[in-house]
N, C-alpha and C. Protein backbone atom coordinates (compact mmCIF):
# COMPACT_ATOMS: atom_id res chain seq x y z
N UNK A 1 -1.12 27.31 -2.29
CA UNK A 1 -2.10 26.73 -1.40
C UNK A 1 -1.38 26.23 -0.08
N UNK A 2 -1.98 26.41 1.02
CA UNK A 2 -1.40 25.98 2.27
C UNK A 2 -2.49 25.31 3.11
N UNK A 3 -2.04 24.38 3.97
CA UNK A 3 -2.96 23.72 4.89
C UNK A 3 -3.51 24.71 5.87
N UNK A 4 -4.87 24.83 5.97
CA UNK A 4 -5.50 25.82 6.75
C UNK A 4 -6.59 25.22 7.64
N UNK A 5 -6.40 25.45 8.93
CA UNK A 5 -7.44 25.03 9.92
C UNK A 5 -8.36 26.15 10.29
N UNK A 6 -7.88 27.38 10.19
CA UNK A 6 -8.62 28.59 10.58
C UNK A 6 -8.22 29.76 9.77
N UNK A 7 -9.19 30.63 9.43
CA UNK A 7 -8.91 31.84 8.70
C UNK A 7 -9.07 32.98 9.69
N UNK A 8 -8.00 33.77 9.84
CA UNK A 8 -8.07 34.98 10.73
C UNK A 8 -8.30 36.16 9.87
N UNK A 9 -9.40 36.93 10.15
CA UNK A 9 -9.69 38.16 9.47
C UNK A 9 -9.51 39.28 10.51
N UNK A 10 -8.57 40.15 10.21
CA UNK A 10 -8.20 41.22 11.14
C UNK A 10 -8.81 42.55 10.61
N UNK A 11 -9.53 43.25 11.40
CA UNK A 11 -10.14 44.52 11.09
C UNK A 11 -9.67 45.61 12.05
N UNK A 12 -9.07 46.66 11.58
CA UNK A 12 -8.55 47.69 12.53
C UNK A 12 -9.65 48.61 13.02
N UNK A 13 -10.62 48.02 13.73
CA UNK A 13 -11.71 48.82 14.33
C UNK A 13 -12.43 47.93 15.31
N UNK A 14 -12.97 48.56 16.37
CA UNK A 14 -13.79 47.80 17.33
C UNK A 14 -15.24 47.74 16.79
N UNK A 15 -15.63 46.48 16.38
CA UNK A 15 -16.90 46.24 15.77
C UNK A 15 -17.79 45.45 16.63
N UNK A 16 -17.62 45.56 17.95
CA UNK A 16 -18.30 44.72 18.87
C UNK A 16 -19.79 44.93 18.80
N UNK A 17 -20.27 46.10 18.44
CA UNK A 17 -21.72 46.43 18.42
C UNK A 17 -22.45 46.03 17.25
N UNK A 18 -21.68 45.51 16.20
CA UNK A 18 -22.37 45.12 14.96
C UNK A 18 -23.17 43.87 15.13
N UNK A 19 -24.11 43.66 14.24
CA UNK A 19 -24.99 42.44 14.18
C UNK A 19 -24.19 41.40 13.32
N UNK A 20 -23.32 40.64 13.98
CA UNK A 20 -22.51 39.71 13.24
C UNK A 20 -23.20 38.52 12.64
N UNK A 21 -24.38 38.19 13.07
CA UNK A 21 -25.08 37.00 12.55
C UNK A 21 -25.33 37.21 11.05
N UNK A 22 -25.62 38.43 10.58
CA UNK A 22 -25.96 38.66 9.23
C UNK A 22 -24.77 38.32 8.28
N UNK A 23 -23.57 38.50 8.80
CA UNK A 23 -22.43 38.12 7.96
C UNK A 23 -21.92 36.69 8.21
N UNK A 24 -22.00 36.26 9.48
CA UNK A 24 -21.53 34.96 9.82
C UNK A 24 -22.21 33.78 9.12
N UNK A 25 -23.49 33.95 8.73
CA UNK A 25 -24.20 32.86 8.06
C UNK A 25 -24.03 32.93 6.57
N UNK A 26 -23.36 33.89 6.01
CA UNK A 26 -23.17 33.99 4.62
C UNK A 26 -21.93 33.21 4.19
N UNK A 27 -22.07 31.90 4.00
CA UNK A 27 -20.98 31.05 3.71
C UNK A 27 -20.41 31.33 2.36
N UNK A 28 -19.08 31.49 2.31
CA UNK A 28 -18.37 31.72 1.04
C UNK A 28 -17.62 30.44 0.51
N UNK A 29 -17.83 29.38 1.23
CA UNK A 29 -17.18 28.13 0.85
C UNK A 29 -18.05 26.95 1.17
N UNK A 30 -18.01 25.90 0.41
CA UNK A 30 -18.81 24.69 0.76
C UNK A 30 -18.27 23.93 1.96
N UNK A 31 -17.08 24.34 2.43
CA UNK A 31 -16.50 23.67 3.64
C UNK A 31 -17.24 24.11 4.92
N UNK A 32 -17.72 23.19 5.73
CA UNK A 32 -18.34 23.53 6.97
C UNK A 32 -17.43 24.45 7.82
N UNK A 33 -18.05 25.44 8.48
CA UNK A 33 -17.21 26.33 9.25
C UNK A 33 -18.02 26.93 10.35
N UNK A 34 -17.32 27.49 11.36
CA UNK A 34 -17.90 28.25 12.43
C UNK A 34 -17.22 29.58 12.56
N UNK A 35 -17.94 30.66 12.93
CA UNK A 35 -17.37 31.92 13.02
C UNK A 35 -17.37 32.43 14.50
N UNK A 36 -16.24 32.98 14.87
CA UNK A 36 -16.15 33.58 16.26
C UNK A 36 -15.47 34.89 16.19
N UNK A 37 -16.04 35.89 16.92
CA UNK A 37 -15.55 37.27 16.73
C UNK A 37 -15.08 37.80 18.13
N UNK A 38 -13.90 38.39 18.15
CA UNK A 38 -13.36 38.97 19.43
C UNK A 38 -12.97 40.37 19.11
N UNK A 39 -13.24 41.30 20.04
CA UNK A 39 -13.00 42.75 19.83
C UNK A 39 -12.38 43.36 21.01
N UNK A 40 -11.67 44.45 20.75
CA UNK A 40 -11.11 45.26 21.90
C UNK A 40 -11.21 46.77 21.39
N UNK A 41 -11.59 47.66 22.28
CA UNK A 41 -11.61 49.04 21.95
C UNK A 41 -10.22 49.65 21.82
N UNK A 42 -9.19 48.91 22.33
CA UNK A 42 -7.80 49.50 22.36
C UNK A 42 -6.77 48.41 22.32
N UNK A 43 -5.95 48.42 21.25
CA UNK A 43 -4.86 47.39 21.20
C UNK A 43 -3.58 48.05 21.64
N UNK A 44 -2.49 47.49 21.20
CA UNK A 44 -1.18 48.03 21.60
C UNK A 44 -0.93 49.44 21.02
N UNK A 45 -1.59 49.74 19.91
CA UNK A 45 -1.43 51.06 19.26
C UNK A 45 -2.58 51.96 19.67
N UNK A 46 -3.29 51.60 20.69
CA UNK A 46 -4.38 52.45 21.21
C UNK A 46 -5.52 52.63 20.19
N UNK A 47 -5.69 51.62 19.38
CA UNK A 47 -6.73 51.64 18.38
C UNK A 47 -7.67 50.44 18.53
N UNK A 48 -8.91 50.58 18.04
CA UNK A 48 -9.78 49.44 18.12
C UNK A 48 -9.33 48.34 17.15
N UNK A 49 -9.68 47.07 17.55
CA UNK A 49 -9.28 45.96 16.71
C UNK A 49 -10.29 44.82 16.91
N UNK A 50 -10.62 44.20 15.76
CA UNK A 50 -11.51 43.03 15.76
C UNK A 50 -10.80 41.87 15.01
N UNK A 51 -10.83 40.69 15.75
CA UNK A 51 -10.33 39.51 15.13
C UNK A 51 -11.53 38.59 14.86
N UNK A 52 -11.72 38.18 13.61
CA UNK A 52 -12.82 37.24 13.25
C UNK A 52 -12.14 35.97 12.93
N UNK A 53 -12.50 34.84 13.57
CA UNK A 53 -11.89 33.52 13.30
C UNK A 53 -12.98 32.70 12.55
N UNK A 54 -12.59 32.19 11.46
CA UNK A 54 -13.45 31.25 10.71
C UNK A 54 -12.80 29.86 10.87
N UNK A 55 -13.35 29.10 11.75
CA UNK A 55 -12.92 27.77 12.10
C UNK A 55 -13.44 26.68 11.21
N UNK A 56 -12.65 25.98 10.41
CA UNK A 56 -13.16 25.01 9.49
C UNK A 56 -13.24 23.60 10.14
N UNK A 57 -14.19 22.86 9.86
CA UNK A 57 -14.50 21.58 10.44
C UNK A 57 -13.28 20.62 10.28
N UNK A 58 -12.65 20.70 9.05
CA UNK A 58 -11.49 19.87 8.77
C UNK A 58 -10.45 20.78 8.06
N UNK A 59 -9.17 20.62 8.41
CA UNK A 59 -8.16 21.32 7.67
C UNK A 59 -8.14 20.97 6.17
N UNK A 60 -7.91 21.92 5.36
CA UNK A 60 -7.88 21.74 3.91
C UNK A 60 -6.90 22.73 3.25
N UNK A 61 -6.52 22.44 2.06
CA UNK A 61 -5.58 23.22 1.32
C UNK A 61 -6.34 24.51 0.78
N UNK A 62 -5.98 25.69 1.28
CA UNK A 62 -6.69 26.85 0.85
C UNK A 62 -5.71 27.77 0.07
N UNK A 63 -6.17 28.26 -1.08
CA UNK A 63 -5.41 29.16 -1.85
C UNK A 63 -5.59 30.67 -1.46
N UNK A 64 -4.73 31.51 -1.95
CA UNK A 64 -4.85 32.90 -1.63
C UNK A 64 -6.09 33.52 -2.21
N UNK A 65 -6.58 32.97 -3.38
CA UNK A 65 -7.77 33.47 -3.95
C UNK A 65 -9.00 33.25 -3.04
N UNK A 66 -9.03 32.13 -2.36
CA UNK A 66 -10.15 31.82 -1.45
C UNK A 66 -10.08 32.70 -0.17
N UNK A 67 -8.91 32.91 0.35
CA UNK A 67 -8.80 33.76 1.57
C UNK A 67 -9.19 35.18 1.12
N UNK A 68 -8.82 35.64 -0.05
CA UNK A 68 -9.09 36.98 -0.50
C UNK A 68 -10.55 37.16 -0.65
N UNK A 69 -11.34 36.10 -1.03
CA UNK A 69 -12.79 36.26 -1.14
C UNK A 69 -13.45 36.54 0.26
N UNK A 70 -12.95 35.82 1.29
CA UNK A 70 -13.43 36.10 2.65
C UNK A 70 -13.07 37.52 3.00
N UNK A 71 -11.85 37.92 2.70
CA UNK A 71 -11.37 39.33 3.02
C UNK A 71 -12.26 40.38 2.38
N UNK A 72 -12.61 40.17 1.13
CA UNK A 72 -13.39 41.11 0.41
C UNK A 72 -14.84 41.17 0.96
N UNK A 73 -15.30 40.03 1.27
CA UNK A 73 -16.70 39.96 1.87
C UNK A 73 -16.82 40.76 3.15
N UNK A 74 -15.84 40.46 4.02
CA UNK A 74 -15.87 41.14 5.31
C UNK A 74 -15.63 42.67 5.22
N UNK A 75 -14.72 43.02 4.35
CA UNK A 75 -14.47 44.44 4.10
C UNK A 75 -15.69 45.22 3.64
N UNK A 76 -16.41 44.57 2.67
CA UNK A 76 -17.55 45.25 2.11
C UNK A 76 -18.68 45.33 3.21
N UNK A 77 -18.85 44.29 3.95
CA UNK A 77 -19.91 44.30 4.99
C UNK A 77 -19.60 45.26 6.16
N UNK A 78 -18.29 45.28 6.58
CA UNK A 78 -17.97 46.12 7.76
C UNK A 78 -17.71 47.58 7.35
N UNK A 79 -17.34 47.83 6.05
CA UNK A 79 -16.95 49.19 5.73
C UNK A 79 -15.61 49.55 6.13
N UNK A 80 -14.80 48.56 6.52
CA UNK A 80 -13.45 48.78 6.95
C UNK A 80 -12.59 47.65 6.31
N UNK A 81 -11.40 47.99 5.83
CA UNK A 81 -10.55 47.00 5.16
C UNK A 81 -10.13 45.88 6.11
N UNK A 82 -10.40 44.65 5.72
CA UNK A 82 -10.01 43.50 6.54
C UNK A 82 -8.75 42.87 5.90
N UNK A 83 -8.03 42.12 6.70
CA UNK A 83 -6.83 41.46 6.27
C UNK A 83 -6.93 39.98 6.64
N UNK A 84 -6.82 39.10 5.66
CA UNK A 84 -6.99 37.63 5.87
C UNK A 84 -5.64 36.97 5.98
N UNK A 85 -5.56 36.08 6.99
CA UNK A 85 -4.34 35.21 7.20
C UNK A 85 -4.81 33.78 7.37
N UNK A 86 -4.18 32.89 6.63
CA UNK A 86 -4.49 31.47 6.75
C UNK A 86 -3.63 30.89 7.93
N UNK A 87 -4.28 30.25 8.91
CA UNK A 87 -3.61 29.74 10.10
C UNK A 87 -3.65 28.23 10.10
N UNK A 88 -2.55 27.63 10.38
CA UNK A 88 -2.44 26.14 10.49
C UNK A 88 -2.21 25.78 11.99
N UNK A 89 -3.09 24.96 12.55
CA UNK A 89 -2.98 24.55 13.90
C UNK A 89 -1.80 23.59 14.13
N UNK A 90 -0.95 23.94 15.12
CA UNK A 90 0.13 23.06 15.42
C UNK A 90 0.12 22.57 16.90
N UNK A 91 -0.74 23.18 17.72
CA UNK A 91 -0.82 22.79 19.17
C UNK A 91 -2.13 23.10 19.69
N UNK A 92 -2.85 22.12 20.27
CA UNK A 92 -4.16 22.30 20.93
C UNK A 92 -4.07 21.57 22.29
N UNK A 93 -4.00 22.29 23.37
CA UNK A 93 -3.68 21.68 24.66
C UNK A 93 -4.94 21.46 25.48
N UNK A 94 -5.01 20.28 26.24
CA UNK A 94 -6.14 20.08 27.17
C UNK A 94 -6.08 21.20 28.17
N UNK A 95 -7.29 21.67 28.56
CA UNK A 95 -7.34 22.87 29.47
C UNK A 95 -8.12 22.53 30.75
N UNK A 96 -7.92 23.41 31.74
CA UNK A 96 -8.50 23.19 33.11
C UNK A 96 -9.99 23.28 33.06
N UNK A 97 -10.53 24.22 32.27
CA UNK A 97 -12.01 24.48 32.27
C UNK A 97 -12.56 24.54 30.88
N UNK A 98 -12.54 23.38 30.15
CA UNK A 98 -12.96 23.44 28.73
C UNK A 98 -14.44 23.77 28.49
N UNK A 99 -15.27 23.54 29.50
CA UNK A 99 -16.69 23.73 29.31
C UNK A 99 -17.19 25.12 29.83
N UNK A 100 -16.30 25.84 30.41
CA UNK A 100 -16.69 27.12 31.05
C UNK A 100 -16.95 28.21 30.00
N UNK A 101 -17.68 29.27 30.48
CA UNK A 101 -17.95 30.35 29.54
C UNK A 101 -16.75 31.26 29.35
N UNK A 102 -16.51 31.63 28.12
CA UNK A 102 -15.35 32.50 27.75
C UNK A 102 -15.77 33.94 27.88
N UNK A 103 -14.92 34.76 28.56
CA UNK A 103 -15.15 36.17 28.57
C UNK A 103 -13.97 36.93 27.97
N UNK A 104 -12.81 36.32 27.90
CA UNK A 104 -11.57 37.02 27.53
C UNK A 104 -10.76 36.17 26.50
N UNK A 105 -10.25 36.88 25.60
CA UNK A 105 -9.34 36.25 24.60
C UNK A 105 -8.03 36.96 24.54
N UNK A 106 -6.96 36.21 24.63
CA UNK A 106 -5.62 36.81 24.65
C UNK A 106 -4.74 36.19 23.60
N UNK A 107 -4.03 36.99 22.83
CA UNK A 107 -3.19 36.44 21.71
C UNK A 107 -1.76 36.95 21.86
N UNK A 108 -0.85 36.11 21.54
CA UNK A 108 0.58 36.43 21.46
C UNK A 108 1.10 36.12 20.05
N UNK A 109 1.52 37.02 19.33
CA UNK A 109 2.04 36.81 17.96
C UNK A 109 3.54 37.20 17.94
N UNK A 110 4.38 36.36 17.42
CA UNK A 110 5.79 36.65 17.45
C UNK A 110 6.53 35.93 16.32
N UNK A 111 7.64 36.53 15.89
CA UNK A 111 8.53 35.88 15.00
C UNK A 111 9.77 35.44 15.81
N UNK A 112 10.08 34.14 15.92
CA UNK A 112 11.30 33.72 16.59
C UNK A 112 12.57 34.32 15.91
N UNK A 113 13.48 34.70 16.68
CA UNK A 113 14.79 35.14 16.06
C UNK A 113 15.44 34.06 15.30
N UNK A 114 16.28 34.38 14.31
CA UNK A 114 16.97 33.37 13.51
C UNK A 114 17.72 32.33 14.45
N UNK A 115 17.48 31.06 14.14
CA UNK A 115 18.02 30.00 14.93
C UNK A 115 17.26 29.59 16.16
N UNK A 116 16.16 30.24 16.44
CA UNK A 116 15.38 29.98 17.67
C UNK A 116 13.98 29.39 17.42
N UNK A 117 13.62 29.22 16.18
CA UNK A 117 12.23 28.76 15.92
C UNK A 117 12.00 27.38 16.50
N UNK A 118 12.94 26.42 16.37
CA UNK A 118 12.71 25.11 16.90
C UNK A 118 12.67 25.12 18.42
N UNK A 119 13.58 25.83 19.00
CA UNK A 119 13.61 25.91 20.53
C UNK A 119 12.32 26.48 21.08
N UNK A 120 11.90 27.59 20.45
CA UNK A 120 10.65 28.24 20.92
C UNK A 120 9.40 27.32 20.66
N UNK A 121 9.42 26.57 19.63
CA UNK A 121 8.31 25.61 19.28
C UNK A 121 8.28 24.54 20.39
N UNK A 122 9.47 24.00 20.74
CA UNK A 122 9.58 23.03 21.79
C UNK A 122 9.13 23.52 23.16
N UNK A 123 9.49 24.76 23.47
CA UNK A 123 9.13 25.43 24.74
C UNK A 123 7.57 25.54 24.81
N UNK A 124 6.97 26.01 23.65
CA UNK A 124 5.55 26.11 23.65
C UNK A 124 4.88 24.78 23.87
N UNK A 125 5.36 23.78 23.15
CA UNK A 125 4.72 22.49 23.13
C UNK A 125 4.96 21.64 24.43
N UNK A 126 6.10 21.75 25.02
CA UNK A 126 6.47 20.90 26.20
C UNK A 126 6.23 21.55 27.55
N UNK A 127 6.33 22.89 27.56
CA UNK A 127 6.12 23.56 28.95
C UNK A 127 5.14 24.72 28.93
N UNK A 128 5.36 25.66 28.06
CA UNK A 128 4.61 26.92 28.24
C UNK A 128 3.10 26.84 28.02
N UNK A 129 2.67 26.33 26.90
CA UNK A 129 1.27 26.34 26.65
C UNK A 129 0.59 25.19 27.46
N UNK A 130 1.14 24.01 27.64
CA UNK A 130 0.49 23.05 28.49
C UNK A 130 0.36 23.57 29.93
N UNK A 131 1.33 24.30 30.36
CA UNK A 131 1.27 24.85 31.73
C UNK A 131 0.21 25.87 31.87
N UNK A 132 0.11 26.79 30.95
CA UNK A 132 -0.90 27.82 31.08
C UNK A 132 -2.34 27.24 30.85
N UNK A 133 -2.40 26.26 30.00
CA UNK A 133 -3.71 25.58 29.73
C UNK A 133 -4.31 24.99 30.99
N UNK A 134 -3.49 24.52 31.87
CA UNK A 134 -3.99 23.82 33.04
C UNK A 134 -4.25 24.81 34.25
N UNK A 135 -4.02 26.06 34.04
CA UNK A 135 -4.27 27.08 35.10
C UNK A 135 -5.80 27.23 35.16
N UNK A 136 -6.32 27.23 36.38
CA UNK A 136 -7.75 27.43 36.60
C UNK A 136 -8.22 28.68 35.90
N UNK A 137 -9.26 28.49 35.09
CA UNK A 137 -9.83 29.66 34.31
C UNK A 137 -9.45 29.64 32.86
N UNK A 138 -8.57 28.68 32.46
CA UNK A 138 -8.22 28.58 31.04
C UNK A 138 -9.19 27.63 30.34
N UNK A 139 -9.82 28.12 29.26
CA UNK A 139 -10.89 27.34 28.54
C UNK A 139 -10.27 26.74 27.32
N UNK A 140 -9.41 27.45 26.57
CA UNK A 140 -8.82 26.94 25.36
C UNK A 140 -7.45 27.55 25.15
N UNK A 141 -6.47 26.77 24.68
CA UNK A 141 -5.13 27.16 24.45
C UNK A 141 -4.58 26.55 23.16
N UNK A 142 -4.32 27.35 22.16
CA UNK A 142 -3.96 26.81 20.87
C UNK A 142 -2.84 27.67 20.27
N UNK A 143 -2.04 27.01 19.44
CA UNK A 143 -0.96 27.75 18.72
C UNK A 143 -1.10 27.36 17.25
N UNK A 144 -0.90 28.40 16.41
CA UNK A 144 -1.05 28.28 15.00
C UNK A 144 0.25 28.85 14.35
N UNK A 145 0.48 28.44 13.09
CA UNK A 145 1.44 29.07 12.18
C UNK A 145 0.66 29.98 11.28
N UNK A 146 1.03 31.24 11.21
CA UNK A 146 0.37 32.25 10.31
C UNK A 146 1.15 32.19 8.94
N UNK A 147 0.45 31.74 7.90
CA UNK A 147 1.08 31.63 6.62
C UNK A 147 1.09 32.88 5.79
N UNK A 148 0.43 33.92 6.24
CA UNK A 148 0.27 35.09 5.42
C UNK A 148 0.85 36.38 6.06
N UNK A 149 0.01 37.03 6.84
CA UNK A 149 0.40 38.29 7.46
C UNK A 149 0.89 38.07 8.89
N UNK A 150 2.12 37.91 9.05
CA UNK A 150 2.70 37.50 10.35
C UNK A 150 2.47 38.51 11.46
N UNK A 151 3.07 38.36 12.62
CA UNK A 151 4.09 37.36 12.93
C UNK A 151 3.72 35.83 12.71
N UNK A 152 4.74 35.06 12.54
CA UNK A 152 4.49 33.72 12.11
C UNK A 152 3.88 32.84 13.22
N UNK A 153 4.27 32.98 14.47
CA UNK A 153 3.76 32.20 15.54
C UNK A 153 2.51 32.97 16.16
N UNK A 154 1.37 32.27 16.27
CA UNK A 154 0.17 32.87 16.70
C UNK A 154 -0.37 31.97 17.78
N UNK A 155 -0.33 32.41 19.06
CA UNK A 155 -0.85 31.70 20.17
C UNK A 155 -2.07 32.44 20.72
N UNK A 156 -3.13 31.63 21.01
CA UNK A 156 -4.36 32.21 21.48
C UNK A 156 -4.86 31.45 22.78
N UNK A 157 -5.44 32.27 23.72
CA UNK A 157 -5.86 31.72 24.94
C UNK A 157 -7.29 32.24 25.16
N UNK A 158 -8.26 31.36 25.48
CA UNK A 158 -9.62 31.78 25.89
C UNK A 158 -9.66 31.58 27.40
N UNK A 159 -10.19 32.60 28.09
CA UNK A 159 -10.18 32.56 29.61
C UNK A 159 -11.54 32.93 30.15
N UNK A 160 -11.83 32.49 31.34
CA UNK A 160 -13.08 32.81 31.97
C UNK A 160 -13.20 34.26 32.49
N UNK A 161 -12.05 34.89 32.72
CA UNK A 161 -11.97 36.23 33.21
C UNK A 161 -10.58 36.83 32.99
N UNK A 162 -10.45 38.13 32.87
CA UNK A 162 -9.12 38.74 32.72
C UNK A 162 -8.23 38.51 33.81
N UNK A 163 -8.79 38.26 35.04
CA UNK A 163 -7.93 38.11 36.20
C UNK A 163 -7.10 36.84 36.20
N UNK A 164 -7.49 35.90 35.30
CA UNK A 164 -6.74 34.63 35.29
C UNK A 164 -5.27 34.86 34.90
N UNK A 165 -4.99 35.93 34.04
CA UNK A 165 -3.66 36.21 33.62
C UNK A 165 -2.80 36.76 34.76
N UNK A 166 -3.42 37.23 35.84
CA UNK A 166 -2.65 37.71 36.99
C UNK A 166 -2.62 36.78 38.10
N UNK A 167 -3.16 35.59 37.93
CA UNK A 167 -3.16 34.61 39.03
C UNK A 167 -1.77 34.03 39.30
N UNK A 168 -1.46 33.67 40.54
CA UNK A 168 -0.16 33.09 40.85
C UNK A 168 0.26 31.93 39.99
N UNK A 169 -0.67 31.01 39.63
CA UNK A 169 -0.32 29.90 38.85
C UNK A 169 0.08 30.30 37.41
N UNK A 170 -0.67 31.29 36.80
CA UNK A 170 -0.33 31.77 35.52
C UNK A 170 1.05 32.39 35.51
N UNK A 171 1.26 33.25 36.45
CA UNK A 171 2.56 34.03 36.59
C UNK A 171 3.71 33.06 36.81
N UNK A 172 3.48 31.95 37.55
CA UNK A 172 4.51 30.94 37.85
C UNK A 172 4.97 30.30 36.53
N UNK A 173 4.02 29.89 35.71
CA UNK A 173 4.35 29.24 34.39
C UNK A 173 5.21 30.24 33.54
N UNK A 174 4.82 31.52 33.52
CA UNK A 174 5.56 32.48 32.72
C UNK A 174 6.95 32.74 33.25
N UNK A 175 7.22 32.45 34.50
CA UNK A 175 8.42 32.83 35.12
C UNK A 175 9.52 31.72 35.17
N UNK A 176 9.29 30.65 34.41
CA UNK A 176 10.23 29.50 34.42
C UNK A 176 11.61 29.85 33.76
N UNK A 177 12.58 29.11 34.03
CA UNK A 177 13.91 29.30 33.49
C UNK A 177 13.87 29.23 32.00
N UNK A 178 13.12 28.26 31.48
CA UNK A 178 13.04 28.05 30.01
C UNK A 178 12.39 29.27 29.32
N UNK A 179 11.38 29.86 30.02
CA UNK A 179 10.75 31.06 29.56
C UNK A 179 11.72 32.18 29.39
N UNK A 180 12.57 32.30 30.46
CA UNK A 180 13.54 33.39 30.50
C UNK A 180 14.58 33.26 29.38
N UNK A 181 14.85 32.01 28.96
CA UNK A 181 15.83 31.81 27.89
C UNK A 181 15.22 32.13 26.51
N UNK A 182 13.95 31.79 26.37
CA UNK A 182 13.21 31.92 25.07
C UNK A 182 12.71 33.36 24.78
N UNK A 183 12.14 33.92 25.78
CA UNK A 183 11.37 35.19 25.58
C UNK A 183 12.27 36.33 24.95
N UNK A 184 13.56 36.43 25.30
CA UNK A 184 14.37 37.52 24.69
C UNK A 184 14.54 37.32 23.14
N UNK A 185 14.22 36.14 22.68
CA UNK A 185 14.35 35.85 21.25
C UNK A 185 13.08 35.95 20.45
N UNK A 186 12.07 36.55 21.03
CA UNK A 186 10.85 36.99 20.35
C UNK A 186 11.14 38.27 19.63
N UNK A 187 10.74 38.32 18.37
CA UNK A 187 10.80 39.54 17.61
C UNK A 187 9.43 39.88 16.99
N UNK A 188 9.17 41.20 16.70
CA UNK A 188 7.96 41.66 16.08
C UNK A 188 6.76 41.21 16.93
N UNK A 189 6.90 41.18 18.25
CA UNK A 189 5.86 40.56 19.16
C UNK A 189 4.74 41.54 19.29
N UNK A 190 3.53 40.99 19.23
CA UNK A 190 2.24 41.69 19.51
C UNK A 190 1.42 40.91 20.47
N UNK A 191 1.10 41.51 21.60
CA UNK A 191 0.25 40.92 22.62
C UNK A 191 -1.03 41.73 22.72
N UNK A 192 -2.14 41.01 22.49
CA UNK A 192 -3.48 41.74 22.42
C UNK A 192 -4.49 41.07 23.34
N UNK A 193 -5.17 41.90 24.08
CA UNK A 193 -6.11 41.49 25.09
C UNK A 193 -7.47 41.86 24.60
N UNK A 194 -8.31 40.84 24.24
CA UNK A 194 -9.72 41.12 23.76
C UNK A 194 -10.64 40.84 24.89
N UNK A 195 -11.50 41.85 25.13
CA UNK A 195 -12.48 41.76 26.25
C UNK A 195 -13.86 41.42 25.75
N UNK A 196 -14.20 41.60 24.52
CA UNK A 196 -15.50 41.38 24.00
C UNK A 196 -15.52 40.08 23.15
N UNK A 197 -16.24 39.12 23.54
CA UNK A 197 -16.25 37.79 22.84
C UNK A 197 -17.68 37.54 22.34
N UNK A 198 -17.80 37.31 20.98
CA UNK A 198 -18.99 36.86 20.39
C UNK A 198 -18.70 35.35 20.14
N UNK A 199 -19.37 34.45 20.77
CA UNK A 199 -19.19 33.04 20.69
C UNK A 199 -19.66 32.55 19.35
N UNK A 200 -19.52 31.32 19.08
CA UNK A 200 -19.79 30.71 17.77
C UNK A 200 -21.11 31.25 17.16
N UNK A 201 -21.01 31.79 16.01
CA UNK A 201 -22.17 32.48 15.43
C UNK A 201 -22.71 31.73 14.29
N UNK A 202 -21.95 30.87 13.60
CA UNK A 202 -22.48 30.31 12.44
C UNK A 202 -21.88 28.98 12.13
N UNK A 203 -22.59 28.08 11.57
CA UNK A 203 -22.04 26.78 11.12
C UNK A 203 -22.82 26.39 9.91
N UNK A 204 -22.31 26.61 8.75
CA UNK A 204 -23.01 26.38 7.52
C UNK A 204 -22.18 25.62 6.50
N UNK A 205 -22.75 24.65 5.90
CA UNK A 205 -22.02 23.90 4.84
C UNK A 205 -22.09 24.73 3.53
């Protein structure tokens, strides 16, 4: 069992057109939760991808049998095999536009090279994520530890528009000296740009 703030259900298909409410309200746990769905027709491998986030009201110890139940439920409903990962929140930064409407979700998943996990964690916490969070157009910036199907570091950003990532302020944060020292020590890195956002769909005890 591991401390879990959020369950990530990854489906290798673009399921943006599905009626997600029918699944989102089917609570598989007595723990209050909210469901959010992000989709893209094309990921790094030129395939469709859906990320379903089950956000729990309070972090709790979740066993692999519990995450497997969610995995099986979504796989059966979607007709595509889902993969469940238990995520532990380690960083949640104040953002420039926390009340604005989200249109874009961007994730960076990586395994720090041996000996670099602490340095990269400090970089995320002290400079990188706080800096990006305060760029105009950033609604949410969070970092998790993935306890199951890595990469281990999972950073997610919710934005008002895709153009935010190309803004001078965003690019300036990415171009810092500390960034240049840390980024070469990312391994197994996956960067995914989700353009379809289904906002909070369910909250059931």
